[in-house]
Amino acid sequence: MIEPLSLTLLLLLGGWAALDGTAAGQFMISRPLVTGVLAGILLGDPLTGILTGAILELLHLGALPVGGARLPEPGPATVPAVAAAVLVGGGGGLALGLAWGVVGGWLGGASVSAHRRWNEHRTRGIDSGAWTFPRLARVHWTALATDGLRGMALVGVGLVLVMAVPEGWVEMAAVERDQVVAAGVLGGCASLGRLCRGYLGVRPRRGVLFLLAGLASGVLLGLLRGGG
């Protein structure tokens, strides 16, 4: 169970991560790696927070805010992900956390779009000259407050869902922590490849070379670990 103080701080962290995305600050608190570290510290296990956040950072690496595409919002989703990895523990807890980090990220992205449409509706006619400065300030601060509450709500829903998964279901997964980390890193490499292909102009042939180099590195590390 999460202590009331820790729960309150986790909810506030989710609100901060939501605001940091675009609305206020942009201090990179919303990045999964940073959010994961902070959530891990609040839960007393910063190393698990770093691990979970780093994998989610890789998985979301290819999603850049370019154009009008709907993108996931990984910041608030990382908080319940770390909570699942810490509180449930083992490979099953990490797998559950990463799964929510991906699904919750896309739900967060949908909520961002809905919140922006609501703000657009509230600011219709702003260029008519009838708006006063107090009214504009009120709308602005309301938008910031509701954005923070949106992030807190995402964290709250995520915590309820990941903690509601029966312990027996997690144990049935029967996966080791190293296996989950390997699968997460592999998915992150796919995201990195999409990033290189879409934004850095890496040619497919070079991508194949990267894949072969990654496979060779993985085999070598496996042999060295097995020999140790």
C-alpha atoms as a PDB file:
ATOM      1  CA  MET A   1       0.000   0.000   0.000  1.00  0.00           C
ATOM      2  CA  ILE A   2       1.024   3.576  -0.635  1.00  0.00           C
ATOM      3  CA  GLU A   3       1.159   5.889   2.359  1.00  0.00           C
ATOM      4  CA  PRO A   4      -1.138   8.956   2.194  1.00  0.00           C
ATOM      5  CA  LEU A   5       1.784  11.399   2.004  1.00  0.00           C
ATOM      6  CA  SER A   6       3.479   9.430  -0.778  1.00  0.00           C
ATOM      7  CA  LEU A   7       0.176   9.143  -2.640  1.00  0.00           C
ATOM      8  CA  THR A   8      -0.359  12.891  -2.434  1.00  0.00           C
ATOM      9  CA  LEU A   9       3.147  13.586  -3.699  1.00  0.00           C
ATOM     10  CA  LEU A  10       2.724  11.101  -6.564  1.00  0.00           C
ATOM     11  CA  LEU A  11      -0.511  12.800  -7.615  1.00  0.00           C
ATOM     12  CA  LEU A  12       1.183  16.203  -7.490  1.00  0.00           C
ATOM     13  CA  LEU A  13       4.073  14.817  -9.528  1.00  0.00           C
ATOM     14  CA  GLY A  14       1.585  13.674 -12.165  1.00  0.00           C
ATOM     15  CA  GLY A  15       0.039  17.137 -12.293  1.00  0.00           C
ATOM     16  CA  TRP A  16       3.488  18.719 -12.598  1.00  0.00           C
ATOM     17  CA  ALA A  17       4.427  16.329 -15.396  1.00  0.00           C
ATOM     18  CA  ALA A  18       1.232  17.176 -17.273  1.00  0.00           C
ATOM     19  CA  LEU A  19       1.859  20.919 -16.989  1.00  0.00           C
ATOM     20  CA  ASP A  20       5.529  20.567 -17.881  1.00  0.00           C
ATOM     21  CA  GLY A  21       4.710  18.933 -21.218  1.00  0.00           C
ATOM     22  CA  THR A  22       3.727  22.151 -22.997  1.00  0.00           C
ATOM     23  CA  ALA A  23       1.654  24.382 -20.717  1.00  0.00           C
ATOM     24  CA  ALA A  24       4.204  25.610 -18.182  1.00  0.00           C
ATOM     25  CA  GLY A  25       7.908  25.317 -17.578  1.00  0.00           C
ATOM     26  CA  GLN A  26       9.047  22.608 -19.972  1.00  0.00           C
ATOM     27  CA  PHE A  27      11.854  21.667 -17.599  1.00  0.00           C
ATOM     28  CA  MET A  28      11.809  18.053 -18.947  1.00  0.00           C
ATOM     29  CA  ILE A  29      10.038  16.814 -15.810  1.00  0.00           C
ATOM     30  CA  SER A  30       7.509  15.254 -18.182  1.00  0.00           C
ATOM     31  CA  ARG A  31      10.131  12.973 -19.723  1.00  0.00           C
ATOM     32  CA  PRO A  32       9.711   9.374 -18.469  1.00  0.00           C
ATOM     33  CA  LEU A  33      13.312   9.127 -17.284  1.00  0.00           C
ATOM     34  CA  VAL A  34      13.003  12.188 -15.036  1.00  0.00           C
ATOM     35  CA  THR A  35       9.479  11.364 -13.878  1.00  0.00           C
ATOM     36  CA  GLY A  36      10.549   7.779 -13.192  1.00  0.00           C
ATOM     37  CA  VAL A  37      13.470   8.864 -11.011  1.00  0.00           C
ATOM     38  CA  LEU A  38      11.280  11.226  -8.990  1.00  0.00           C
ATOM     39  CA  ALA A  39       8.527   8.632  -8.574  1.00  0.00           C
ATOM     40  CA  GLY A  40      11.107   6.041  -7.511  1.00  0.00           C
ATOM     41  CA  ILE A  41      12.491   8.408  -4.879  1.00  0.00           C
ATOM     42  CA  LEU A  42       9.005   9.041  -3.497  1.00  0.00           C
ATOM     43  CA  LEU A  43       8.404   5.273  -3.295  1.00  0.00           C
ATOM     44  CA  GLY A  44      11.786   4.556  -1.724  1.00  0.00           C
ATOM     45  CA  ASP A  45      13.276   2.706  -4.722  1.00  0.00           C
ATOM     46  CA  PRO A  46      15.028   5.157  -7.070  1.00  0.00           C
ATOM     47  CA  LEU A  47      16.874   2.390  -8.962  1.00  0.00           C
ATOM     48  CA  THR A  48      13.603   0.784 -10.063  1.00  0.00           C
ATOM     49  CA  GLY A  49      12.359   4.250 -10.962  1.00  0.00           C
ATOM     50  CA  ILE A  50      15.420   4.820 -13.137  1.00  0.00           C
ATOM     51  CA  LEU A  51      15.044   1.435 -14.826  1.00  0.00           C
ATOM     52  CA  THR A  52      11.333   1.838 -15.539  1.00  0.00           C
ATOM     53  CA  GLY A  53      11.709   5.430 -16.683  1.00  0.00           C
ATOM     54  CA  ALA A  54      14.670   4.632 -18.931  1.00  0.00           C
ATOM     55  CA  ILE A  55      12.798   1.846 -20.734  1.00  0.00           C
ATOM     56  CA  LEU A  56       9.704   4.022 -21.186  1.00  0.00           C
ATOM     57  CA  GLU A  57      11.965   6.814 -22.436  1.00  0.00           C
ATOM     58  CA  LEU A  58      13.246   4.463 -25.119  1.00  0.00           C
ATOM     59  CA  LEU A  59       9.752   3.284 -26.018  1.00  0.00           C
ATOM     60  CA  HIS A  60       8.506   6.861 -26.468  1.00  0.00           C
ATOM     61  CA  LEU A  61      11.686   8.151 -28.076  1.00  0.00           C
ATOM     62  CA  GLY A  62      10.270   8.160 -31.593  1.00  0.00           C
ATOM     63  CA  ALA A  63       7.282  10.350 -30.666  1.00  0.00           C
ATOM     64  CA  LEU A  64       8.351  13.935 -31.335  1.00  0.00           C
ATOM     65  CA  PRO A  65       5.941  16.895 -31.211  1.00  0.00           C
ATOM     66  CA  VAL A  66       6.173  17.753 -34.907  1.00  0.00           C
ATOM     67  CA  GLY A  67       3.128  18.852 -36.864  1.00  0.00           C
ATOM     68  CA  GLY A  68      -0.419  18.159 -35.772  1.00  0.00           C
ATOM     69  CA  ALA A  69      -0.084  14.446 -34.992  1.00  0.00           C
ATOM     70  CA  ARG A  70      -1.606  13.113 -31.760  1.00  0.00           C
ATOM     71  CA  LEU A  71       1.225  11.894 -29.574  1.00  0.00           C
ATOM     72  CA  PRO A  72       1.281   9.958 -26.301  1.00  0.00           C
ATOM     73  CA  GLU A  73       1.839  11.769 -23.028  1.00  0.00           C
ATOM     74  CA  PRO A  74       4.289   9.544 -21.123  1.00  0.00           C
ATOM     75  CA  GLY A  75       4.935  11.755 -18.088  1.00  0.00           C
ATOM     76  CA  PRO A  76       1.859  11.103 -15.892  1.00  0.00           C
ATOM     77  CA  ALA A  77       1.677   7.475 -17.085  1.00  0.00           C
ATOM     78  CA  THR A  78       5.199   6.837 -15.794  1.00  0.00           C
ATOM     79  CA  VAL A  79       4.150   7.439 -12.178  1.00  0.00           C
ATOM     80  CA  PRO A  80       1.773   4.423 -11.939  1.00  0.00           C
ATOM     81  CA  ALA A  81       4.266   2.419 -14.004  1.00  0.00           C
ATOM     82  CA  VAL A  82       6.974   2.927 -11.406  1.00  0.00           C
ATOM     83  CA  ALA A  83       4.485   2.246  -8.606  1.00  0.00           C
ATOM     84  CA  ALA A  84       3.606  -1.125 -10.162  1.00  0.00           C
ATOM     85  CA  ALA A  85       7.263  -2.027 -10.658  1.00  0.00           C
ATOM     86  CA  VAL A  86       8.119  -1.112  -7.050  1.00  0.00           C
ATOM     87  CA  LEU A  87       5.084  -2.376  -5.156  1.00  0.00           C
ATOM     88  CA  VAL A  88       4.346  -5.546  -7.143  1.00  0.00           C
ATOM     89  CA  GLY A  89       8.019  -6.278  -7.705  1.00  0.00           C
ATOM     90  CA  GLY A  90       9.805  -8.823  -9.853  1.00  0.00           C
ATOM     91  CA  GLY A  91       9.500  -9.281 -13.574  1.00  0.00           C
ATOM     92  CA  GLY A  92       5.706  -9.332 -13.419  1.00  0.00           C
ATOM     93  CA  GLY A  93       5.541  -5.969 -11.669  1.00  0.00           C
ATOM     94  CA  LEU A  94       7.934  -4.384 -14.151  1.00  0.00           C
ATOM     95  CA  ALA A  95       5.996  -5.839 -17.092  1.00  0.00           C
ATOM     96  CA  LEU A  96       2.729  -4.529 -15.644  1.00  0.00           C
ATOM     97  CA  GLY A  97       4.263  -1.106 -15.136  1.00  0.00           C
ATOM     98  CA  LEU A  98       5.672  -0.904 -18.656  1.00  0.00           C
ATOM     99  CA  ALA A  99       2.362  -2.023 -20.134  1.00  0.00           C
ATOM    100  CA  TRP A 100       0.571   0.776 -18.327  1.00  0.00           C
ATOM    101  CA  GLY A 101       3.321   3.213 -19.282  1.00  0.00           C
ATOM    102  CA  VAL A 102       2.480   2.609 -22.946  1.00  0.00           C
ATOM    103  CA  VAL A 103      -1.315   2.364 -22.674  1.00  0.00           C
ATOM    104  CA  GLY A 104      -1.561   5.207 -20.181  1.00  0.00           C
ATOM    105  CA  GLY A 105       0.649   7.339 -22.402  1.00  0.00           C
ATOM    106  CA  TRP A 106      -1.795   7.056 -25.284  1.00  0.00           C
ATOM    107  CA  LEU A 107      -4.746   7.744 -22.971  1.00  0.00           C
ATOM    108  CA  GLY A 108      -2.900  10.810 -21.752  1.00  0.00           C
ATOM    109  CA  GLY A 109      -2.369  11.955 -25.332  1.00  0.00           C
ATOM    110  CA  ALA A 110      -6.102  11.643 -26.000  1.00  0.00           C
ATOM    111  CA  SER A 111      -6.877  13.662 -22.866  1.00  0.00           C
ATOM    112  CA  VAL A 112      -4.466  16.387 -24.018  1.00  0.00           C
ATOM    113  CA  SER A 113      -6.372  16.690 -27.301  1.00  0.00           C
ATOM    114  CA  ALA A 114      -9.693  16.841 -25.446  1.00  0.00           C
ATOM    115  CA  HIS A 115      -8.381  19.501 -23.077  1.00  0.00           C
ATOM    116  CA  ARG A 116      -7.130  21.626 -25.949  1.00  0.00           C
ATOM    117  CA  ARG A 117     -10.467  21.403 -27.739  1.00  0.00           C
ATOM    118  CA  TRP A 118     -12.144  22.542 -24.527  1.00  0.00           C
ATOM    119  CA  ASN A 119      -9.753  25.497 -24.274  1.00  0.00           C
ATOM    120  CA  GLU A 120     -10.439  26.370 -27.892  1.00  0.00           C
ATOM    121  CA  HIS A 121     -14.174  26.389 -27.189  1.00  0.00           C
ATOM    122  CA  ARG A 122     -13.689  28.661 -24.167  1.00  0.00           C
ATOM    123  CA  THR A 123     -11.619  31.197 -26.119  1.00  0.00           C
ATOM    124  CA  ARG A 124     -13.927  31.647 -29.083  1.00  0.00           C
ATOM    125  CA  GLY A 125     -14.387  35.286 -29.935  1.00  0.00           C
ATOM    126  CA  ILE A 126     -11.187  36.345 -28.188  1.00  0.00           C
ATOM    127  CA  ASP A 127     -10.224  38.456 -31.196  1.00  0.00           C
ATOM    128  CA  SER A 128     -13.518  40.376 -31.194  1.00  0.00           C
ATOM    129  CA  GLY A 129     -12.236  43.033 -28.807  1.00  0.00           C
ATOM    130  CA  ALA A 130     -14.882  42.291 -26.180  1.00  0.00           C
ATOM    131  CA  TRP A 131     -12.501  40.405 -23.886  1.00  0.00           C
ATOM    132  CA  THR A 132     -11.086  42.197 -20.857  1.00  0.00           C
ATOM    133  CA  PHE A 133      -7.719  41.437 -19.272  1.00  0.00           C
ATOM    134  CA  PRO A 134      -9.254  39.962 -16.069  1.00  0.00           C
ATOM    135  CA  ARG A 135     -11.379  37.617 -18.151  1.00  0.00           C
ATOM    136  CA  LEU A 136      -8.368  36.524 -20.208  1.00  0.00           C
ATOM    137  CA  ALA A 137      -6.308  35.945 -17.056  1.00  0.00           C
ATOM    138  CA  ARG A 138      -9.125  33.931 -15.509  1.00  0.00           C
ATOM    139  CA  VAL A 139      -9.399  31.702 -18.560  1.00  0.00           C
ATOM    140  CA  HIS A 140      -5.617  31.272 -18.641  1.00  0.00           C
ATOM    141  CA  TRP A 141      -5.286  30.216 -15.005  1.00  0.00           C
ATOM    142  CA  THR A 142      -8.314  27.948 -15.289  1.00  0.00           C
ATOM    143  CA  ALA A 143      -6.699  26.204 -18.245  1.00  0.00           C
ATOM    144  CA  LEU A 144      -3.487  25.664 -16.268  1.00  0.00           C
ATOM    145  CA  ALA A 145      -5.357  24.393 -13.211  1.00  0.00           C
ATOM    146  CA  THR A 146      -7.468  21.933 -15.194  1.00  0.00           C
ATOM    147  CA  ASP A 147      -4.381  20.694 -17.037  1.00  0.00           C
ATOM    148  CA  GLY A 148      -2.693  19.929 -13.727  1.00  0.00           C
ATOM    149  CA  LEU A 149      -5.833  18.221 -12.423  1.00  0.00           C
ATOM    150  CA  ARG A 150      -5.937  16.187 -15.622  1.00  0.00           C
ATOM    151  CA  GLY A 151      -2.439  14.873 -14.923  1.00  0.00           C
ATOM    152  CA  MET A 152      -3.360  14.062 -11.331  1.00  0.00           C
ATOM    153  CA  ALA A 153      -6.458  12.217 -12.514  1.00  0.00           C
ATOM    154  CA  LEU A 154      -4.393  10.152 -14.946  1.00  0.00           C
ATOM    155  CA  VAL A 155      -2.052   9.149 -12.134  1.00  0.00           C
ATOM    156  CA  GLY A 156      -4.969   8.298  -9.860  1.00  0.00           C
ATOM    157  CA  VAL A 157      -6.691   6.144 -12.474  1.00  0.00           C
ATOM    158  CA  GLY A 158      -3.418   4.436 -13.329  1.00  0.00           C
ATOM    159  CA  LEU A 159      -2.649   3.634  -9.700  1.00  0.00           C
ATOM    160  CA  VAL A 160      -6.114   2.174  -9.168  1.00  0.00           C
ATOM    161  CA  LEU A 161      -5.882   0.013 -12.272  1.00  0.00           C
ATOM    162  CA  VAL A 162      -2.377  -1.378 -11.734  1.00  0.00           C
ATOM    163  CA  MET A 163      -3.025  -2.041  -8.060  1.00  0.00           C
ATOM    164  CA  ALA A 164      -6.354  -3.742  -8.879  1.00  0.00           C
ATOM    165  CA  VAL A 165      -4.656  -6.468 -10.943  1.00  0.00           C
ATOM    166  CA  PRO A 166      -4.858  -9.685  -8.896  1.00  0.00           C
ATOM    167  CA  GLU A 167      -1.512 -10.851  -7.562  1.00  0.00           C
ATOM    168  CA  GLY A 168      -2.123 -14.315  -8.988  1.00  0.00           C
ATOM    169  CA  TRP A 169      -2.342 -12.913 -12.507  1.00  0.00           C
ATOM    170  CA  VAL A 170       1.045 -11.264 -12.130  1.00  0.00           C
ATOM    171  CA  GLU A 171       2.574 -14.475 -10.770  1.00  0.00           C
ATOM    172  CA  MET A 172       1.135 -16.439 -13.706  1.00  0.00           C
ATOM    173  CA  ALA A 173       3.263 -14.346 -16.039  1.00  0.00           C
ATOM    174  CA  ALA A 174       6.317 -16.184 -14.704  1.00  0.00           C
ATOM    175  CA  VAL A 175       8.797 -13.830 -16.329  1.00  0.00           C
ATOM    176  CA  GLU A 176      12.159 -12.803 -15.009  1.00  0.00           C
ATOM    177  CA  ARG A 177      13.077  -9.173 -14.552  1.00  0.00           C
ATOM    178  CA  ASP A 178      15.960  -9.506 -17.021  1.00  0.00           C
ATOM    179  CA  GLN A 179      13.596 -10.850 -19.668  1.00  0.00           C
ATOM    180  CA  VAL A 180      11.272  -7.887 -19.268  1.00  0.00           C
ATOM    181  CA  VAL A 181      14.195  -5.471 -19.459  1.00  0.00           C
ATOM    182  CA  ALA A 182      15.465  -7.171 -22.622  1.00  0.00           C
ATOM    183  CA  ALA A 183      12.021  -7.007 -24.259  1.00  0.00           C
ATOM    184  CA  GLY A 184      11.637  -3.368 -23.273  1.00  0.00           C
ATOM    185  CA  VAL A 185      15.035  -2.415 -24.639  1.00  0.00           C
ATOM    186  CA  LEU A 186      14.276  -4.282 -27.867  1.00  0.00           C
ATOM    187  CA  GLY A 187      11.060  -2.305 -28.239  1.00  0.00           C
ATOM    188  CA  GLY A 188      12.992   0.844 -27.477  1.00  0.00           C
ATOM    189  CA  CYS A 189      15.478   0.028 -30.224  1.00  0.00           C
ATOM    190  CA  ALA A 190      12.571  -0.239 -32.659  1.00  0.00           C
ATOM    191  CA  SER A 191      11.424   3.208 -31.527  1.00  0.00           C
ATOM    192  CA  LEU A 192      14.959   4.527 -31.953  1.00  0.00           C
ATOM    193  CA  GLY A 193      15.053   3.067 -35.452  1.00  0.00           C
ATOM    194  CA  ARG A 194      11.821   4.864 -36.311  1.00  0.00           C
ATOM    195  CA  LEU A 195      13.347   8.069 -35.001  1.00  0.00           C
ATOM    196  CA  CYS A 196      16.496   7.634 -37.106  1.00  0.00           C
ATOM    197  CA  ARG A 197      14.506   6.755 -40.206  1.00  0.00           C
ATOM    198  CA  GLY A 198      11.949   9.532 -39.879  1.00  0.00           C
ATOM    199  CA  TYR A 199      13.996  12.455 -38.614  1.00  0.00           C
ATOM    200  CA  LEU A 200      17.644  11.678 -39.244  1.00  0.00           C
ATOM    201  CA  GLY A 201      17.274  10.186 -42.708  1.00  0.00           C
ATOM    202  CA  VAL A 202      19.038   6.898 -41.929  1.00  0.00           C
ATOM    203  CA  ARG A 203      18.852   4.633 -44.968  1.00  0.00           C
ATOM    204  CA  PRO A 204      17.317   1.147 -44.679  1.00  0.00           C
ATOM    205  CA  ARG A 205      20.630  -0.561 -45.445  1.00  0.00           C
ATOM    206  CA  ARG A 206      22.281   1.228 -42.566  1.00  0.00           C
ATOM    207  CA  GLY A 207      19.343   0.246 -40.387  1.00  0.00           C
ATOM    208  CA  VAL A 208      20.031  -3.404 -41.196  1.00  0.00           C
ATOM    209  CA  LEU A 209      23.638  -2.895 -40.141  1.00  0.00           C
ATOM    210  CA  PHE A 210      22.475  -1.377 -36.862  1.00  0.00           C
ATOM    211  CA  LEU A 211      20.192  -4.356 -36.305  1.00  0.00           C
ATOM    212  CA  LEU A 212      22.980  -6.863 -36.961  1.00  0.00           C
ATOM    213  CA  ALA A 213      25.334  -4.939 -34.693  1.00  0.00           C
ATOM    214  CA  GLY A 214      22.718  -4.954 -31.942  1.00  0.00           C
ATOM    215  CA  LEU A 215      22.114  -8.680 -32.314  1.00  0.00           C
ATOM    216  CA  ALA A 216      25.830  -9.405 -32.240  1.00  0.00           C
ATOM    217  CA  SER A 217      26.241  -7.276 -29.111  1.00  0.00           C
ATOM    218  CA  GLY A 218      23.348  -9.095 -27.449  1.00  0.00           C
ATOM    219  CA  VAL A 219      24.780 -12.522 -28.265  1.00  0.00           C
ATOM    220  CA  LEU A 220      28.209 -11.474 -26.985  1.00  0.00           C
ATOM    221  CA  LEU A 221      26.792 -10.161 -23.731  1.00  0.00           C
ATOM    222  CA  GLY A 222      24.771 -13.342 -23.305  1.00  0.00           C
ATOM    223  CA  LEU A 223      27.856 -15.505 -23.803  1.00  0.00           C
ATOM    224  CA  LEU A 224      29.891 -13.429 -21.371  1.00  0.00           C
ATOM    225  CA  ARG A 225      27.151 -13.601 -18.747  1.00  0.00           C
ATOM    226  CA  GLY A 226      26.702 -17.319 -19.250  1.00  0.00           C
ATOM    227  CA  GLY A 227      30.396 -17.891 -18.934  1.00  0.00           C
ATOM    228  CA  GLY A 228      30.507 -15.869 -15.711  1.00  0.00           C
END
